[in-house]
Amino acid sequence: VNLRSGPGNEYPIKCVYQIQDMPLKVLGEYENWYKTQDKDSEEGWINKNLATKRRNLIVLNGTQIMYKKDNIKSNPIFRLEENVVVKYNKCNSNWCKVSVNGKDGWVEKQNLWGYDY
């Protein structure tokens, strides 16, 4: 997906997202375009046809563990590498329940981006 400097194909490409289902925060809209921000605070415009309403999160801070329950004493399910995209289910004060590869589990909220919008 191309991130453009303005809302139209005539605007220069600022960067290209190559991570499928990359979570982006929507800051605004203009016609068929969303003004967005990514996990690195990069802002730009993407065509609405390239976006999905499905809520996703992205793993931060290196490799993280996905646990069966929302505590570190719970059984680990997966090791998630940085920049892996996971499906958002819900969050509590310190943890988010996510899905990846057909499995549900919990990851510490501080190691995810995209839950707070």
N, C-alpha and C. Protein backbone atom coordinates (compact mmCIF):
# COMPACT_ATOMS: atom_id res chain seq x y z
N VAL A 1 0.86 -1.18 0.00
CA VAL A 1 0.00 0.00 0.00
C VAL A 1 0.90 1.23 0.00
N ASN A 2 0.60 2.16 -0.88
CA ASN A 2 1.36 3.40 -0.97
C ASN A 2 0.80 4.43 0.00
N LEU A 3 1.66 5.02 0.78
CA LEU A 3 1.32 6.15 1.64
C LEU A 3 1.74 7.40 0.88
N ARG A 4 0.78 8.27 0.60
CA ARG A 4 1.05 9.46 -0.21
C ARG A 4 1.06 10.72 0.63
N SER A 5 1.68 11.76 0.11
CA SER A 5 1.79 13.02 0.83
C SER A 5 0.50 13.83 0.81
N GLY A 6 -0.43 13.46 -0.05
CA GLY A 6 -1.73 14.13 -0.14
C GLY A 6 -2.80 13.18 -0.63
N PRO A 7 -4.07 13.64 -0.61
CA PRO A 7 -5.20 12.76 -0.97
C PRO A 7 -5.45 12.65 -2.47
N GLY A 8 -4.56 11.94 -3.16
CA GLY A 8 -4.73 11.72 -4.59
C GLY A 8 -3.54 11.01 -5.18
N ASN A 9 -3.76 10.31 -6.31
CA ASN A 9 -2.68 9.57 -6.95
C ASN A 9 -1.59 10.47 -7.52
N GLU A 10 -1.88 11.75 -7.69
CA GLU A 10 -0.89 12.68 -8.24
C GLU A 10 0.13 13.13 -7.18
N TYR A 11 -0.14 12.84 -5.92
CA TYR A 11 0.79 13.22 -4.85
C TYR A 11 1.91 12.18 -4.75
N PRO A 12 3.11 12.64 -4.36
CA PRO A 12 4.25 11.72 -4.26
C PRO A 12 4.03 10.64 -3.20
N ILE A 13 4.63 9.48 -3.44
CA ILE A 13 4.61 8.37 -2.47
C ILE A 13 5.66 8.66 -1.41
N LYS A 14 5.22 8.65 -0.15
CA LYS A 14 6.14 8.87 0.97
C LYS A 14 6.81 7.56 1.39
N CYS A 15 6.03 6.49 1.42
CA CYS A 15 6.57 5.17 1.73
C CYS A 15 5.59 4.11 1.24
N VAL A 16 6.05 2.87 1.22
CA VAL A 16 5.23 1.75 0.78
C VAL A 16 5.15 0.75 1.94
N TYR A 17 3.92 0.43 2.36
CA TYR A 17 3.73 -0.58 3.41
C TYR A 17 3.72 -1.95 2.76
N GLN A 18 4.57 -2.83 3.25
CA GLN A 18 4.65 -4.17 2.70
C GLN A 18 4.17 -5.23 3.69
N ILE A 19 3.67 -4.79 4.86
CA ILE A 19 3.13 -5.70 5.86
C ILE A 19 1.63 -5.80 5.64
N GLN A 20 1.12 -7.00 5.37
CA GLN A 20 -0.30 -7.19 5.11
C GLN A 20 -1.11 -6.86 6.36
N ASP A 21 -2.22 -6.14 6.18
CA ASP A 21 -3.15 -5.75 7.25
C ASP A 21 -2.50 -4.84 8.30
N MET A 22 -1.52 -4.06 7.88
CA MET A 22 -0.83 -3.12 8.77
C MET A 22 -1.84 -2.19 9.45
N PRO A 23 -1.82 -2.13 10.79
CA PRO A 23 -2.73 -1.21 11.47
C PRO A 23 -2.31 0.24 11.27
N LEU A 24 -3.28 1.08 10.98
CA LEU A 24 -3.06 2.51 10.81
C LEU A 24 -4.14 3.27 11.57
N LYS A 25 -3.76 4.35 12.19
CA LYS A 25 -4.72 5.22 12.87
C LYS A 25 -5.26 6.21 11.84
N VAL A 26 -6.59 6.30 11.74
CA VAL A 26 -7.21 7.25 10.81
C VAL A 26 -7.33 8.61 11.50
N LEU A 27 -6.71 9.61 10.89
CA LEU A 27 -6.73 10.97 11.44
C LEU A 27 -7.78 11.85 10.78
N GLY A 28 -8.17 11.48 9.55
CA GLY A 28 -9.15 12.28 8.82
C GLY A 28 -9.52 11.61 7.52
N GLU A 29 -10.44 12.26 6.79
CA GLU A 29 -10.91 11.72 5.51
C GLU A 29 -11.07 12.85 4.51
N TYR A 30 -10.85 12.54 3.25
CA TYR A 30 -11.15 13.46 2.16
C TYR A 30 -11.51 12.63 0.94
N GLU A 31 -12.75 12.74 0.51
CA GLU A 31 -13.28 11.96 -0.61
C GLU A 31 -12.95 10.48 -0.43
N ASN A 32 -12.15 9.87 -1.33
CA ASN A 32 -11.83 8.44 -1.24
C ASN A 32 -10.52 8.16 -0.52
N TRP A 33 -10.09 9.07 0.36
CA TRP A 33 -8.78 8.95 1.00
C TRP A 33 -8.89 9.08 2.50
N TYR A 34 -8.05 8.32 3.19
CA TYR A 34 -7.89 8.44 4.64
C TYR A 34 -6.53 9.08 4.93
N LYS A 35 -6.52 10.06 5.83
CA LYS A 35 -5.25 10.54 6.37
C LYS A 35 -4.93 9.64 7.55
N THR A 36 -3.73 9.04 7.54
CA THR A 36 -3.40 8.01 8.53
C THR A 36 -2.07 8.31 9.23
N GLN A 37 -1.88 7.56 10.32
CA GLN A 37 -0.61 7.58 11.05
C GLN A 37 -0.25 6.14 11.39
N ASP A 38 1.04 5.80 11.25
CA ASP A 38 1.47 4.44 11.57
C ASP A 38 2.18 4.41 12.93
N LYS A 39 2.68 3.25 13.31
CA LYS A 39 3.30 3.05 14.62
C LYS A 39 4.55 3.91 14.81
N ASP A 40 5.16 4.35 13.72
CA ASP A 40 6.35 5.19 13.79
C ASP A 40 6.02 6.67 13.67
N SER A 41 4.72 7.01 13.78
CA SER A 41 4.21 8.39 13.69
C SER A 41 4.31 9.00 12.30
N GLU A 42 4.56 8.17 11.29
CA GLU A 42 4.57 8.64 9.90
C GLU A 42 3.13 8.91 9.48
N GLU A 43 2.87 10.11 8.95
CA GLU A 43 1.53 10.48 8.51
C GLU A 43 1.48 10.61 6.99
N GLY A 44 0.32 10.27 6.43
CA GLY A 44 0.12 10.40 5.00
C GLY A 44 -1.27 9.93 4.64
N TRP A 45 -1.50 9.76 3.36
CA TRP A 45 -2.83 9.44 2.83
C TRP A 45 -2.81 8.11 2.10
N ILE A 46 -3.86 7.29 2.34
CA ILE A 46 -4.04 6.04 1.60
C ILE A 46 -5.46 6.01 1.02
N ASN A 47 -5.59 5.35 -0.11
CA ASN A 47 -6.90 5.20 -0.74
C ASN A 47 -7.78 4.30 0.12
N LYS A 48 -9.05 4.70 0.30
CA LYS A 48 -9.98 3.93 1.12
C LYS A 48 -10.16 2.51 0.61
N ASN A 49 -10.04 2.31 -0.69
CA ASN A 49 -10.19 0.96 -1.26
C ASN A 49 -9.11 0.00 -0.79
N LEU A 50 -8.01 0.52 -0.27
CA LEU A 50 -6.90 -0.32 0.19
C LEU A 50 -6.94 -0.56 1.69
N ALA A 51 -7.94 0.01 2.35
CA ALA A 51 -8.07 -0.11 3.81
C ALA A 51 -9.16 -1.11 4.16
N THR A 52 -9.08 -1.63 5.38
CA THR A 52 -10.10 -2.52 5.89
C THR A 52 -10.59 -1.99 7.23
N LYS A 53 -11.82 -2.28 7.58
CA LYS A 53 -12.37 -1.88 8.88
C LYS A 53 -11.95 -2.85 9.98
N ARG A 54 -11.37 -3.99 9.59
CA ARG A 54 -10.94 -4.99 10.56
C ARG A 54 -9.85 -4.40 11.45
N ARG A 55 -9.99 -4.57 12.73
CA ARG A 55 -9.05 -3.98 13.69
C ARG A 55 -7.88 -4.93 13.92
N ASN A 56 -6.68 -4.43 13.69
CA ASN A 56 -5.46 -5.20 13.90
C ASN A 56 -4.51 -4.43 14.80
N LEU A 57 -3.58 -5.15 15.40
CA LEU A 57 -2.52 -4.57 16.21
C LEU A 57 -1.19 -5.07 15.65
N ILE A 58 -0.11 -4.40 16.01
CA ILE A 58 1.21 -4.83 15.56
C ILE A 58 2.13 -4.97 16.78
N VAL A 59 2.95 -5.99 16.76
CA VAL A 59 3.85 -6.29 17.89
C VAL A 59 5.04 -5.34 17.87
N LEU A 60 5.37 -4.82 19.05
CA LEU A 60 6.49 -3.90 19.24
C LEU A 60 7.54 -4.53 20.16
N ASN A 61 8.68 -3.88 20.26
CA ASN A 61 9.70 -4.16 21.29
C ASN A 61 10.31 -5.55 21.19
N GLY A 62 10.59 -6.01 19.99
CA GLY A 62 11.23 -7.32 19.83
C GLY A 62 10.25 -8.47 19.96
N THR A 63 10.76 -9.66 20.21
CA THR A 63 9.93 -10.85 20.32
C THR A 63 9.11 -10.80 21.60
N GLN A 64 7.82 -11.11 21.49
CA GLN A 64 6.90 -11.10 22.63
C GLN A 64 6.22 -12.47 22.75
N ILE A 65 5.77 -12.76 23.95
CA ILE A 65 5.08 -14.02 24.21
C ILE A 65 3.57 -13.78 24.23
N MET A 66 2.83 -14.66 23.56
CA MET A 66 1.37 -14.66 23.65
C MET A 66 1.01 -15.77 24.64
N TYR A 67 0.28 -15.40 25.68
CA TYR A 67 -0.07 -16.32 26.76
C TYR A 67 -1.53 -16.77 26.66
N LYS A 68 -1.83 -17.89 27.28
CA LYS A 68 -3.20 -18.41 27.29
C LYS A 68 -4.13 -17.49 28.08
N LYS A 69 -3.64 -16.92 29.19
CA LYS A 69 -4.42 -16.00 30.02
C LYS A 69 -3.66 -14.68 30.15
N ASP A 70 -4.30 -13.71 30.78
CA ASP A 70 -3.71 -12.37 30.86
C ASP A 70 -2.76 -12.20 32.05
N ASN A 71 -1.79 -13.12 32.15
CA ASN A 71 -0.71 -12.97 33.13
C ASN A 71 0.49 -13.80 32.70
N ILE A 72 1.67 -13.40 33.15
CA ILE A 72 2.90 -14.05 32.68
C ILE A 72 3.13 -15.42 33.30
N LYS A 73 2.31 -15.80 34.28
CA LYS A 73 2.42 -17.14 34.87
C LYS A 73 1.58 -18.16 34.09
N SER A 74 0.82 -17.67 33.13
CA SER A 74 -0.02 -18.53 32.30
C SER A 74 0.85 -19.27 31.28
N ASN A 75 0.28 -20.28 30.65
CA ASN A 75 1.00 -21.04 29.62
C ASN A 75 1.27 -20.19 28.39
N PRO A 76 2.51 -20.18 27.89
CA PRO A 76 2.80 -19.49 26.64
C PRO A 76 2.23 -20.27 25.45
N ILE A 77 1.71 -19.54 24.46
CA ILE A 77 1.13 -20.16 23.26
C ILE A 77 2.07 -19.97 22.07
N PHE A 78 2.48 -18.72 21.83
CA PHE A 78 3.34 -18.38 20.69
C PHE A 78 4.40 -17.39 21.10
N ARG A 79 5.48 -17.38 20.33
CA ARG A 79 6.45 -16.29 20.36
C ARG A 79 6.13 -15.45 19.14
N LEU A 80 5.90 -14.18 19.35
CA LEU A 80 5.53 -13.27 18.26
C LEU A 80 6.70 -12.33 17.98
N GLU A 81 7.18 -12.33 16.76
CA GLU A 81 8.27 -11.45 16.37
C GLU A 81 7.77 -10.01 16.22
N GLU A 82 8.67 -9.06 16.39
CA GLU A 82 8.33 -7.66 16.19
C GLU A 82 7.78 -7.47 14.78
N ASN A 83 6.77 -6.62 14.65
CA ASN A 83 6.08 -6.28 13.41
C ASN A 83 5.11 -7.35 12.92
N VAL A 84 4.87 -8.40 13.70
CA VAL A 84 3.82 -9.35 13.36
C VAL A 84 2.48 -8.67 13.61
N VAL A 85 1.56 -8.81 12.67
CA VAL A 85 0.22 -8.24 12.80
C VAL A 85 -0.70 -9.30 13.40
N VAL A 86 -1.45 -8.89 14.43
CA VAL A 86 -2.40 -9.79 15.10
C VAL A 86 -3.78 -9.15 15.07
N LYS A 87 -4.81 -9.99 15.14
CA LYS A 87 -6.19 -9.51 15.15
C LYS A 87 -6.57 -9.07 16.58
N TYR A 88 -7.15 -7.90 16.69
CA TYR A 88 -7.61 -7.37 17.97
C TYR A 88 -8.91 -8.04 18.38
N ASN A 89 -9.00 -8.50 19.63
CA ASN A 89 -10.25 -9.02 20.18
C ASN A 89 -10.77 -8.08 21.27
N LYS A 90 -9.94 -7.81 22.30
CA LYS A 90 -10.31 -6.88 23.36
C LYS A 90 -9.08 -6.59 24.20
N CYS A 91 -9.15 -5.54 25.01
CA CYS A 91 -8.06 -5.20 25.91
C CYS A 91 -8.62 -4.91 27.30
N ASN A 92 -7.80 -5.18 28.32
CA ASN A 92 -8.11 -4.73 29.67
C ASN A 92 -7.03 -3.71 30.03
N SER A 93 -6.83 -3.44 31.30
CA SER A 93 -5.89 -2.37 31.66
C SER A 93 -4.44 -2.64 31.26
N ASN A 94 -4.00 -3.90 31.25
CA ASN A 94 -2.59 -4.20 30.96
C ASN A 94 -2.35 -5.18 29.83
N TRP A 95 -3.40 -5.84 29.35
CA TRP A 95 -3.25 -6.91 28.36
C TRP A 95 -4.27 -6.74 27.23
N CYS A 96 -3.92 -7.29 26.06
CA CYS A 96 -4.87 -7.36 24.95
C CYS A 96 -5.01 -8.82 24.52
N LYS A 97 -6.27 -9.22 24.30
CA LYS A 97 -6.55 -10.54 23.75
C LYS A 97 -6.51 -10.41 22.24
N VAL A 98 -5.69 -11.26 21.61
CA VAL A 98 -5.47 -11.19 20.17
C VAL A 98 -5.61 -12.57 19.55
N SER A 99 -5.69 -12.60 18.24
CA SER A 99 -5.72 -13.87 17.49
C SER A 99 -4.64 -13.83 16.42
N VAL A 100 -4.00 -14.99 16.26
CA VAL A 100 -3.02 -15.15 15.19
C VAL A 100 -2.96 -16.63 14.85
N ASN A 101 -2.93 -16.94 13.57
CA ASN A 101 -2.88 -18.33 13.10
C ASN A 101 -3.96 -19.21 13.73
N GLY A 102 -5.15 -18.67 13.93
CA GLY A 102 -6.27 -19.43 14.46
C GLY A 102 -6.24 -19.65 15.96
N LYS A 103 -5.30 -19.07 16.66
CA LYS A 103 -5.19 -19.21 18.11
C LYS A 103 -5.47 -17.87 18.77
N ASP A 104 -6.14 -17.92 19.93
CA ASP A 104 -6.39 -16.73 20.73
C ASP A 104 -5.47 -16.75 21.95
N GLY A 105 -5.02 -15.57 22.35
CA GLY A 105 -4.19 -15.46 23.52
C GLY A 105 -4.01 -14.01 23.92
N TRP A 106 -3.19 -13.80 24.94
CA TRP A 106 -3.01 -12.48 25.54
C TRP A 106 -1.56 -12.03 25.40
N VAL A 107 -1.41 -10.73 25.07
CA VAL A 107 -0.09 -10.10 24.96
C VAL A 107 -0.13 -8.84 25.82
N GLU A 108 0.98 -8.55 26.49
CA GLU A 108 1.04 -7.34 27.29
C GLU A 108 0.82 -6.11 26.40
N LYS A 109 -0.08 -5.26 26.83
CA LYS A 109 -0.51 -4.10 26.05
C LYS A 109 0.66 -3.19 25.67
N GLN A 110 1.63 -3.03 26.54
CA GLN A 110 2.76 -2.14 26.27
C GLN A 110 3.60 -2.60 25.08
N ASN A 111 3.39 -3.84 24.64
CA ASN A 111 4.15 -4.39 23.51
C ASN A 111 3.35 -4.49 22.23
N LEU A 112 2.26 -3.73 22.18
CA LEU A 112 1.39 -3.70 20.99
C LEU A 112 1.11 -2.25 20.60
N TRP A 113 0.86 -2.03 19.32
CA TRP A 113 0.44 -0.71 18.86
C TRP A 113 -0.88 -0.87 18.13
N GLY A 114 -1.80 0.09 18.38
CA GLY A 114 -3.06 0.11 17.65
C GLY A 114 -4.29 -0.10 18.49
N TYR A 115 -4.15 -0.35 19.78
CA TYR A 115 -5.30 -0.63 20.63
C TYR A 115 -5.98 0.64 21.13
N ASP A 116 -5.33 1.78 21.07
CA ASP A 116 -5.82 2.99 21.73
C ASP A 116 -6.52 4.00 20.82
N TYR A 117 -7.04 3.53 19.72
CA TYR A 117 -7.80 4.47 18.87
C TYR A 117 -9.06 3.81 18.37
